[in-house]
Amino acid sequence: MAEFDVILRNGYIVTEKGVSKGDIAIKGGKIAAISCIDQLKGTAADEIDVTDQYILPGLIDTHVHFNEPGRTDWEGFETGSKALAAGGVTTFFDMPLNSHPATINKDAFDLKFSRGLEKSLVNFYLWGGLVPSNINHLQELSECGAIGFKAFMSDSGIADFKACDDVHLLQGMEKISELQSLLAVHAESQQITEHLTNTLIRRGDTSAKSFSQSRPILSEIEAVQRILTYAKLTNCKIHIVHVTSSEVISQITAAKKQGVDVTVETCPHYLSLTTADLAEKGVIAKCAPPLRQAKEVEMLWDALRNGEIDIIGSDHSPSPPELKEGDFFTAWGGISGAQTTLNILLEEGYWKRNISLETIVRLTATNPAKRFKLFPQKGILDIESDADLTIIDLNESFVLKKEDLFYKHQQSPFLGKKFRGKVKYTLVNGKLVYSSLKEKIR
């Protein structure tokens, strides 16, 4: 009888601390043995030769919208998790809005969770929502296992997920602090964005440039300053999502030095696309906050190098093609990106800007696991950790085509882009769920 279930032979093992050549053995869904000196002794039911390939901890995508139940025609657990597996992601956190009902009470949580158990190919956790009407439901959501809570400081675009005014933010943050949980925040000023949007629409200007001007960096700064103040007052842990600017990050870095328990998340599209891409590609690249100018992209990379960015999440926010029609103010705002996070970080980071693999692992696996109390079960390659792994060929190039995407709707602003670095295998709890060689999803 074989000693192990799977052995990965002759790969380069990557953690946040370094890269070393060796073998990894898996048994019962856990990493059972690692050898970085001599070849690992023992046999396995399945051996995979990963010579000259790199073994990374499976990515943890902290920010996706899979919209099930209620809007499964936009995306669902089945198609969304297949896309994640093809992108090397082994765990995701699904946001509480876009699904219907929104995940703002126990019944909605249980319904969504049951759909995820039935259909998801990879590990998942659910965010609970914080809206003005559900302060009394936060404890039950926490008891259900919510990974944290999500609130909007500006209009979410979804009728049953209202933005929180300042009073409800403070009330919710007090309760979340009491629950020893965490609040993720969409931080844009409703007052600023609404005023500018109305002004520009009255002028009849609905261009890409106008949309960007309606949601300026100043709107993020104002909202972030406010939520940081509330965090100090309530002692609530916060996570600022989809940050687009180093100016915003500097505010958060200063707050960290003052003792505020806050982390920063940005997205692959803010590290790779610009206002010029928005104008060229159209509403397929519309998101909120919007894409920024090229100089802002480079300053985000500088902040990443300096350790001021904690986590990278895709903010995968898909929709049917018909919602991506119209002008820049009426079309749905969301980018489909769950499958391409690692590709973008390798191409734009590792190859173009000399960002190390260790840094990429830290931002996409280790830091998320630590922030959300999943470490060392996840986010690391170590004995007894979950066998959630992705294996990549750094040197293999490909051009992203529509037929490569596993999304419900094969839309992406990255179609036609050439990438260096391809996901070859993804294992979840020791089981092979994706192989590019066999062009299959389990």
Protein backbone atom coordinates (compact mmCIF):
# COMPACT_ATOMS: atom_id res chain seq x y z
CA MET A 1 0.00 0.00 0.00
CA ALA A 2 1.26 3.48 -0.88
CA GLU A 3 2.50 5.56 2.02
CA PHE A 4 1.09 8.84 0.66
CA ASP A 5 -1.80 9.92 -1.53
CA VAL A 6 0.23 12.29 -3.74
CA ILE A 7 3.89 13.23 -4.09
CA LEU A 8 4.99 16.32 -6.02
CA ARG A 9 8.54 15.68 -7.24
CA ASN A 10 11.40 18.08 -7.98
CA GLY A 11 9.59 21.40 -7.74
CA TYR A 12 10.65 24.77 -6.39
CA ILE A 13 8.78 25.25 -3.11
CA VAL A 14 7.81 28.88 -2.48
CA THR A 15 6.83 30.45 0.82
CA GLU A 16 6.92 34.06 2.01
CA LYS A 17 10.38 33.30 3.46
CA GLY A 18 12.11 31.83 0.43
CA VAL A 19 12.35 29.35 -2.42
CA SER A 20 13.91 25.89 -2.19
CA LYS A 21 13.92 22.84 -4.45
CA GLY A 22 12.27 19.71 -3.14
CA ASP A 23 9.38 17.28 -2.89
CA ILE A 24 6.03 17.52 -1.11
CA ALA A 25 3.99 14.51 0.04
CA ILE A 26 0.27 14.70 0.77
CA LYS A 27 -1.90 12.38 2.84
CA GLY A 28 -5.47 12.79 4.05
CA GLY A 29 -5.75 16.29 2.61
CA LYS A 30 -2.72 17.56 4.56
CA ILE A 31 0.93 18.11 3.75
CA ALA A 32 2.54 15.05 5.31
CA ALA A 33 6.21 15.51 4.41
CA ILE A 34 8.57 17.99 2.75
CA SER A 35 12.08 17.26 1.59
CA CYS A 36 14.35 20.06 0.38
CA ILE A 37 17.66 18.17 0.49
CA ASP A 38 17.37 14.57 -0.71
CA GLN A 39 14.50 13.09 -2.67
CA LEU A 40 11.61 12.27 -0.41
CA LYS A 41 11.43 8.57 0.42
CA GLY A 42 8.18 6.69 0.08
CA THR A 43 5.56 5.93 -2.54
CA ALA A 44 2.23 7.49 -3.43
CA ALA A 45 -0.92 6.52 -5.24
CA ASP A 46 -0.20 9.41 -7.58
CA GLU A 47 3.13 11.10 -8.31
CA ILE A 48 3.38 14.33 -10.29
CA ASP A 49 6.68 15.41 -11.81
CA VAL A 50 6.89 19.19 -11.41
CA THR A 51 10.53 19.58 -12.39
CA ASP A 52 11.45 23.25 -12.96
CA GLN A 53 7.97 24.33 -11.88
CA TYR A 54 7.05 26.31 -8.76
CA ILE A 55 4.81 25.08 -5.96
CA LEU A 56 2.96 27.92 -4.19
CA PRO A 57 0.38 27.92 -1.41
CA GLY A 58 -3.03 28.10 -3.05
CA LEU A 59 -4.23 31.67 -3.36
CA ILE A 60 -6.90 32.97 -0.97
CA ASP A 61 -9.18 35.39 -2.80
CA THR A 62 -10.75 37.51 -0.08
CA HIS A 63 -13.11 39.39 -2.40
CA VAL A 64 -15.44 37.78 -4.94
CA HIS A 65 -19.08 38.24 -5.90
CA PHE A 66 -20.57 34.92 -7.02
CA ASN A 67 -24.16 36.21 -6.73
CA GLU A 68 -25.78 32.89 -5.79
CA PRO A 69 -28.60 32.52 -4.93
CA GLY A 70 -30.79 34.97 -6.76
CA ARG A 71 -28.48 36.16 -9.53
CA THR A 72 -26.87 32.93 -10.66
CA ASP A 73 -27.37 34.10 -14.24
CA TRP A 74 -24.60 36.62 -13.43
CA GLU A 75 -22.24 34.02 -11.91
CA GLY A 76 -22.53 31.15 -9.46
CA PHE A 77 -20.48 28.93 -7.18
CA GLU A 78 -19.94 26.31 -9.89
CA THR A 79 -18.59 28.53 -12.68
CA GLY A 80 -16.91 30.98 -10.32
CA SER A 81 -15.03 28.31 -8.38
CA LYS A 82 -13.93 26.61 -11.61
CA ALA A 83 -12.44 29.92 -12.74
CA LEU A 84 -10.67 30.28 -9.41
CA ALA A 85 -9.24 26.76 -9.62
CA ALA A 86 -7.90 27.50 -13.10
CA GLY A 87 -6.26 30.61 -11.64
CA GLY A 88 -4.57 28.81 -8.75
CA VAL A 89 -7.03 29.92 -6.07
CA THR A 90 -7.96 27.31 -3.48
CA THR A 91 -10.04 29.40 -1.04
CA PHE A 92 -12.37 32.36 -1.55
CA PHE A 93 -14.52 34.68 0.53
CA ASP A 94 -17.86 35.52 -1.09
CA MET A 95 -19.24 39.01 -0.55
CA PRO A 96 -22.73 39.46 0.95
CA LEU A 97 -24.26 41.56 -1.83
CA ASN A 98 -25.30 40.82 -5.41
CA SER A 99 -26.82 37.55 -4.25
CA HIS A 100 -30.52 37.77 -3.47
CA PRO A 101 -31.35 37.70 -0.66
CA ALA A 102 -28.28 39.57 0.52
CA THR A 103 -26.34 37.83 3.28
CA ILE A 104 -27.60 40.03 6.11
CA ASN A 105 -29.22 37.46 8.40
CA LYS A 106 -28.97 33.80 9.40
CA ASP A 107 -31.54 32.51 6.94
CA ALA A 108 -29.79 34.16 3.99
CA PHE A 109 -26.41 32.93 5.22
CA ASP A 110 -27.62 29.35 5.56
CA LEU A 111 -29.18 29.41 2.10
CA LYS A 112 -26.02 30.69 0.44
CA PHE A 113 -23.78 28.37 2.44
CA SER A 114 -25.80 25.31 1.39
CA ARG A 115 -25.43 26.33 -2.28
CA GLY A 116 -21.70 26.71 -1.83
CA LEU A 117 -21.33 23.28 -0.22
CA GLU A 118 -23.24 21.76 -3.11
CA LYS A 119 -21.43 23.47 -5.97
CA SER A 120 -18.06 24.95 -5.06
CA LEU A 121 -14.94 23.22 -6.33
CA VAL A 122 -12.68 24.99 -3.83
CA ASN A 123 -12.80 26.03 -0.17
CA PHE A 124 -14.97 29.01 0.70
CA TYR A 125 -16.11 31.32 3.47
CA LEU A 126 -18.90 33.89 3.47
CA TRP A 127 -18.88 37.54 4.40
CA GLY A 128 -21.83 38.83 6.39
CA GLY A 129 -23.29 42.21 5.54
CA LEU A 130 -23.58 45.35 7.64
CA VAL A 131 -26.55 47.45 6.51
CA PRO A 132 -28.66 49.96 8.45
CA SER A 133 -31.42 47.41 9.12
CA ASN A 134 -29.44 44.43 10.44
CA ILE A 135 -27.45 45.52 13.51
CA ASN A 136 -29.42 42.98 15.55
CA HIS A 137 -28.41 40.18 13.15
CA LEU A 138 -24.64 40.62 13.39
CA GLN A 139 -24.20 38.20 16.27
CA GLU A 140 -26.14 35.41 14.57
CA LEU A 141 -24.11 35.93 11.40
CA SER A 142 -20.91 35.68 13.42
CA GLU A 143 -22.17 32.47 15.03
CA CYS A 144 -22.93 31.08 11.56
CA GLY A 145 -19.24 31.46 10.75
CA ALA A 146 -19.09 34.73 8.81
CA ILE A 147 -15.44 35.45 8.00
CA GLY A 148 -16.14 39.14 8.66
CA PHE A 149 -18.60 41.87 7.72
CA LYS A 150 -18.85 44.20 4.74
CA ALA A 151 -20.29 47.72 4.61
CA PHE A 152 -20.61 50.38 1.94
CA MET A 153 -20.08 54.06 2.65
CA SER A 154 -21.60 54.90 -0.75
CA ASP A 155 -24.39 53.44 -2.86
CA SER A 156 -23.73 49.74 -3.57
CA GLY A 157 -25.88 49.64 -6.69
CA ILE A 158 -27.94 46.81 -5.15
CA ALA A 159 -31.36 47.71 -3.77
CA ASP A 160 -31.33 45.21 -0.89
CA PHE A 161 -27.85 46.18 0.32
CA LYS A 162 -28.06 49.76 1.54
CA ALA A 163 -25.07 51.92 2.33
CA CYS A 164 -24.50 52.72 5.99
CA ASP A 165 -24.74 56.27 7.25
CA ASP A 166 -22.37 57.37 10.00
CA VAL A 167 -24.71 56.46 12.86
CA HIS A 168 -25.21 52.90 11.66
CA LEU A 169 -21.53 52.51 10.89
CA LEU A 170 -20.66 53.41 14.46
CA GLN A 171 -23.34 51.15 15.90
CA GLY A 172 -22.26 48.28 13.69
CA MET A 173 -18.58 48.75 14.41
CA GLU A 174 -19.21 48.70 18.16
CA LYS A 175 -20.99 45.36 17.80
CA ILE A 176 -18.38 43.91 15.43
CA SER A 177 -15.66 44.91 17.89
CA GLU A 178 -17.59 43.19 20.66
CA LEU A 179 -17.78 40.06 18.48
CA GLN A 180 -14.00 40.28 17.90
CA SER A 181 -14.65 40.21 14.17
CA LEU A 182 -13.63 42.56 11.36
CA LEU A 183 -15.31 45.09 9.08
CA ALA A 184 -14.40 45.36 5.39
CA VAL A 185 -15.29 48.75 3.95
CA HIS A 186 -16.04 50.10 0.50
CA ALA A 187 -14.69 53.57 1.23
CA GLU A 188 -15.95 56.21 -1.17
CA SER A 189 -17.78 59.36 -0.10
CA GLN A 190 -21.45 59.22 -1.09
CA GLN A 191 -21.72 62.98 -0.85
CA ILE A 192 -18.79 63.65 -3.17
CA THR A 193 -19.59 60.96 -5.75
CA GLU A 194 -23.29 61.79 -5.86
CA HIS A 195 -22.68 65.52 -6.28
CA LEU A 196 -20.11 65.09 -9.02
CA THR A 197 -22.13 62.43 -10.84
CA ASN A 198 -25.25 64.57 -10.92
CA THR A 199 -23.27 67.60 -12.11
CA LEU A 200 -21.62 65.72 -14.98
CA ILE A 201 -24.79 63.98 -16.12
CA ARG A 202 -26.64 67.31 -16.21
CA ARG A 203 -23.93 68.51 -18.58
CA GLY A 204 -24.56 65.48 -20.79
CA ASP A 205 -21.00 64.21 -20.36
CA THR A 206 -21.03 60.44 -19.90
CA SER A 207 -17.55 59.67 -21.22
CA ALA A 208 -14.91 57.47 -19.60
CA LYS A 209 -13.04 60.56 -18.47
CA SER A 210 -16.20 62.00 -16.94
CA PHE A 211 -16.93 58.79 -15.04
CA SER A 212 -13.42 58.80 -13.58
CA GLN A 213 -13.84 62.44 -12.57
CA SER A 214 -17.08 61.60 -10.77
CA ARG A 215 -15.26 59.29 -8.35
CA PRO A 216 -11.95 61.03 -7.61
CA ILE A 217 -9.23 59.86 -5.27
CA LEU A 218 -10.33 62.62 -2.90
CA SER A 219 -13.59 60.74 -2.43
CA GLU A 220 -11.65 57.71 -1.20
CA ILE A 221 -9.46 59.82 1.06
CA GLU A 222 -12.44 61.49 2.73
CA ALA A 223 -14.19 58.18 3.41
CA VAL A 224 -11.01 56.45 4.62
CA GLN A 225 -10.21 59.26 7.03
CA ARG A 226 -13.72 58.98 8.45
CA ILE A 227 -13.68 55.20 8.86
CA LEU A 228 -10.23 55.33 10.48
CA THR A 229 -11.59 57.82 13.00
CA TYR A 230 -14.50 55.50 13.74
CA ALA A 231 -12.10 52.59 14.13
CA LYS A 232 -10.19 54.51 16.77
CA LEU A 233 -13.44 55.32 18.57
CA THR A 234 -14.88 51.79 18.50
CA ASN A 235 -11.67 49.71 18.56
CA CYS A 236 -13.03 47.81 15.55
CA LYS A 237 -10.66 45.98 13.22
CA ILE A 238 -11.11 47.18 9.65
CA HIS A 239 -10.06 46.10 6.18
CA ILE A 240 -10.15 48.76 3.44
CA VAL A 241 -10.96 47.06 0.15
CA HIS A 242 -10.02 47.90 -3.46
CA VAL A 243 -7.76 50.86 -2.66
CA THR A 244 -6.67 52.63 -5.86
CA SER A 245 -4.13 55.22 -4.75
CA SER A 246 -0.94 55.60 -2.76
CA GLU A 247 -2.44 58.78 -1.28
CA VAL A 248 -5.13 56.65 0.34
CA ILE A 249 -2.57 54.10 1.49
CA SER A 250 -0.49 56.81 3.15
CA GLN A 251 -3.49 57.71 5.33
CA ILE A 252 -3.87 54.07 6.34
CA THR A 253 -0.14 53.61 6.98
CA ALA A 254 -0.20 56.61 9.33
CA ALA A 255 -3.17 55.12 11.18
CA LYS A 256 -1.36 51.79 11.56
CA LYS A 257 1.50 53.64 13.26
CA GLN A 258 -1.05 55.12 15.65
CA GLY A 259 -2.25 51.65 16.62
CA VAL A 260 -5.34 51.26 14.42
CA ASP A 261 -5.90 47.61 13.48
CA VAL A 262 -6.37 48.13 9.73
CA THR A 263 -5.30 46.32 6.58
CA VAL A 264 -5.18 47.40 2.93
CA GLU A 265 -6.46 45.44 -0.04
CA THR A 266 -5.98 46.35 -3.67
CA CYS A 267 -6.91 44.50 -6.86
CA PRO A 268 -5.05 43.25 -9.94
CA HIS A 269 -6.89 45.66 -12.22
CA TYR A 270 -5.63 48.67 -10.26
CA LEU A 271 -2.10 47.32 -10.68
CA SER A 272 -2.39 46.83 -14.43
CA LEU A 273 -5.11 48.96 -16.06
CA THR A 274 -5.42 52.74 -16.38
CA THR A 275 -7.86 55.46 -17.40
CA ALA A 276 -6.49 55.06 -20.93
CA ASP A 277 -7.58 51.40 -20.87
CA LEU A 278 -11.02 52.44 -19.64
CA ALA A 279 -11.42 54.78 -22.61
CA GLU A 280 -10.10 52.17 -25.04
CA LYS A 281 -11.85 49.04 -23.75
CA GLY A 282 -15.11 50.68 -22.73
CA VAL A 283 -17.50 49.66 -19.97
CA ILE A 284 -15.99 46.16 -19.72
CA ALA A 285 -13.30 47.91 -17.64
CA LYS A 286 -15.71 50.00 -15.55
CA CYS A 287 -15.48 49.48 -11.79
CA ALA A 288 -15.85 51.46 -8.60
CA PRO A 289 -13.61 53.03 -7.50
CA PRO A 290 -12.54 53.61 -11.10
CA LEU A 291 -9.23 52.88 -12.78
CA ARG A 292 -6.64 55.60 -12.23
CA GLN A 293 -3.92 57.24 -14.29
CA ALA A 294 -0.70 55.40 -15.16
CA LYS A 295 1.32 57.31 -12.56
CA GLU A 296 -1.06 56.07 -9.86
CA VAL A 297 -0.51 52.48 -10.98
CA GLU A 298 3.24 52.87 -10.55
CA MET A 299 2.82 54.46 -7.13
CA LEU A 300 0.65 51.52 -6.08
CA TRP A 301 3.50 49.19 -7.07
CA ASP A 302 5.87 51.33 -5.00
CA ALA A 303 3.54 50.98 -2.01
CA LEU A 304 3.44 47.23 -2.58
CA ARG A 305 7.25 47.05 -2.60
CA ASN A 306 7.33 49.04 0.64
CA GLY A 307 5.03 46.59 2.39
CA GLU A 308 2.16 49.07 2.67
CA ILE A 309 -0.31 46.81 0.84
CA ASP A 310 -1.39 43.77 2.85
CA ILE A 311 -3.64 41.73 0.58
CA ILE A 312 -4.60 41.44 -3.07
CA GLY A 313 -8.16 40.31 -3.87
CA SER A 314 -9.78 40.10 -7.28
CA ASP A 315 -13.06 41.90 -6.52
CA HIS A 316 -14.54 39.63 -9.20
CA SER A 317 -17.84 41.38 -9.97
CA PRO A 318 -19.40 39.80 -13.06
CA SER A 319 -22.67 40.47 -14.84
CA PRO A 320 -24.55 39.35 -17.95
CA PRO A 321 -23.35 41.03 -21.17
CA GLU A 322 -26.50 43.13 -21.47
CA LEU A 323 -25.66 44.92 -18.22
CA LYS A 324 -22.34 45.95 -19.74
CA GLU A 325 -24.11 48.06 -22.32
CA GLY A 326 -24.91 51.76 -22.26
CA ASP A 327 -22.79 54.70 -21.20
CA PHE A 328 -20.22 54.84 -18.43
CA PHE A 329 -22.78 55.96 -15.86
CA THR A 330 -25.57 53.49 -16.65
CA ALA A 331 -23.61 50.27 -17.37
CA TRP A 332 -22.89 47.83 -14.54
CA GLY A 333 -19.68 48.60 -12.71
CA GLY A 334 -17.65 45.50 -12.10
CA ILE A 335 -14.66 43.67 -13.54
CA SER A 336 -14.46 39.90 -14.01
CA GLY A 337 -11.02 38.94 -12.72
CA ALA A 338 -11.16 35.88 -10.45
CA GLN A 339 -9.25 33.66 -12.88
CA THR A 340 -6.41 36.05 -13.73
CA THR A 341 -5.10 37.39 -10.39
CA LEU A 342 -1.95 35.27 -10.35
CA ASN A 343 -1.34 35.77 -14.08
CA ILE A 344 -1.38 39.55 -13.65
CA LEU A 345 0.89 39.48 -10.61
CA LEU A 346 3.38 37.31 -12.44
CA GLU A 347 3.36 39.32 -15.66
CA GLU A 348 3.10 42.83 -14.24
CA GLY A 349 4.90 42.16 -10.96
CA TYR A 350 7.43 39.35 -11.22
CA TRP A 351 8.46 39.84 -14.84
CA LYS A 352 8.03 43.57 -15.43
CA ARG A 353 8.79 45.04 -11.99
CA ASN A 354 10.99 42.43 -10.29
CA ILE A 355 8.48 41.64 -7.53
CA SER A 356 9.58 38.40 -5.86
CA LEU A 357 7.54 35.23 -5.75
CA GLU A 358 7.82 35.39 -1.96
CA THR A 359 6.07 38.78 -1.98
CA ILE A 360 3.32 37.47 -4.25
CA VAL A 361 2.77 34.52 -1.91
CA ARG A 362 2.63 36.83 1.08
CA LEU A 363 0.01 39.11 -0.51
CA THR A 364 -2.21 36.38 -1.94
CA ALA A 365 -1.93 33.55 0.59
CA THR A 366 -0.02 34.09 3.83
CA ASN A 367 -1.32 37.54 4.76
CA PRO A 368 -4.97 36.69 4.01
CA ALA A 369 -4.64 33.51 6.08
CA LYS A 370 -3.14 35.41 9.00
CA ARG A 371 -5.58 38.35 8.85
CA PHE A 372 -8.62 36.08 8.80
CA LYS A 373 -7.36 33.53 11.35
CA LEU A 374 -6.84 30.67 8.91
CA PHE A 375 -3.06 30.42 9.47
CA PRO A 376 -1.22 28.02 9.65
CA GLN A 377 -4.00 25.77 8.38
CA LYS A 378 -3.84 27.75 5.14
CA GLY A 379 -1.50 30.23 3.46
CA ILE A 380 1.71 28.25 3.91
CA LEU A 381 3.46 25.08 2.76
CA ASP A 382 4.27 23.27 5.98
CA ILE A 383 3.75 19.93 7.68
CA GLU A 384 0.11 19.47 8.76
CA SER A 385 -1.09 22.48 6.77
CA ASP A 386 -3.95 21.92 4.34
CA ALA A 387 -2.72 20.60 1.01
CA ASP A 388 -4.01 23.61 -0.94
CA LEU A 389 -1.42 24.15 -3.67
CA THR A 390 -0.92 25.70 -7.05
CA ILE A 391 1.89 24.70 -9.39
CA ILE A 392 3.03 27.18 -12.03
CA ASP A 393 5.41 27.22 -14.97
CA LEU A 394 7.02 30.65 -14.78
CA ASN A 395 8.34 30.54 -18.33
CA GLU A 396 5.27 29.37 -20.22
CA SER A 397 3.55 32.16 -22.15
CA PHE A 398 0.00 32.33 -23.42
CA VAL A 399 -2.48 34.84 -24.77
CA LEU A 400 -5.76 34.93 -22.81
CA LYS A 401 -8.65 33.93 -25.04
CA LYS A 402 -12.36 33.90 -24.44
CA GLU A 403 -12.49 30.13 -24.53
CA ASP A 404 -9.90 29.96 -21.70
CA LEU A 405 -12.30 31.55 -19.22
CA PHE A 406 -14.54 29.45 -16.98
CA TYR A 407 -16.80 32.35 -15.98
CA LYS A 408 -20.53 32.19 -16.60
CA HIS A 409 -19.94 34.96 -19.12
CA GLN A 410 -16.54 35.01 -20.82
CA GLN A 411 -15.93 38.72 -20.30
CA SER A 412 -12.64 40.24 -19.23
CA PRO A 413 -10.67 43.42 -19.89
CA PHE A 414 -7.61 41.15 -20.13
CA LEU A 415 -8.69 39.23 -23.22
CA GLY A 416 -5.91 39.34 -25.81
CA LYS A 417 -3.22 40.08 -23.23
CA LYS A 418 -0.04 38.00 -23.29
CA PHE A 419 0.98 36.50 -19.96
CA ARG A 420 4.17 34.78 -18.82
CA GLY A 421 3.55 32.29 -16.07
CA LYS A 422 0.86 29.62 -16.37
CA VAL A 423 -1.01 27.65 -13.75
CA LYS A 424 -0.36 23.97 -14.45
CA TYR A 425 -2.10 22.26 -11.52
CA THR A 426 -4.33 23.23 -8.61
CA LEU A 427 -4.87 20.93 -5.63
CA VAL A 428 -7.52 21.53 -2.98
CA ASN A 429 -7.27 19.51 0.22
CA GLY A 430 -4.85 17.24 -1.63
CA LYS A 431 -7.20 16.57 -4.54
CA LEU A 432 -6.30 17.60 -8.09
CA VAL A 433 -9.08 19.94 -9.24
CA TYR A 434 -7.36 21.55 -12.22
CA SER A 435 -4.76 20.43 -14.72
CA SER A 436 -3.82 22.56 -17.71
CA LEU A 437 -2.12 19.54 -19.26
CA LYS A 438 -5.41 17.67 -19.44
CA GLU A 439 -7.31 20.92 -19.98
CA LYS A 440 -9.77 19.86 -17.36
CA ILE A 441 -11.58 20.97 -14.26
CA ARG A 442 -12.61 18.19 -11.92
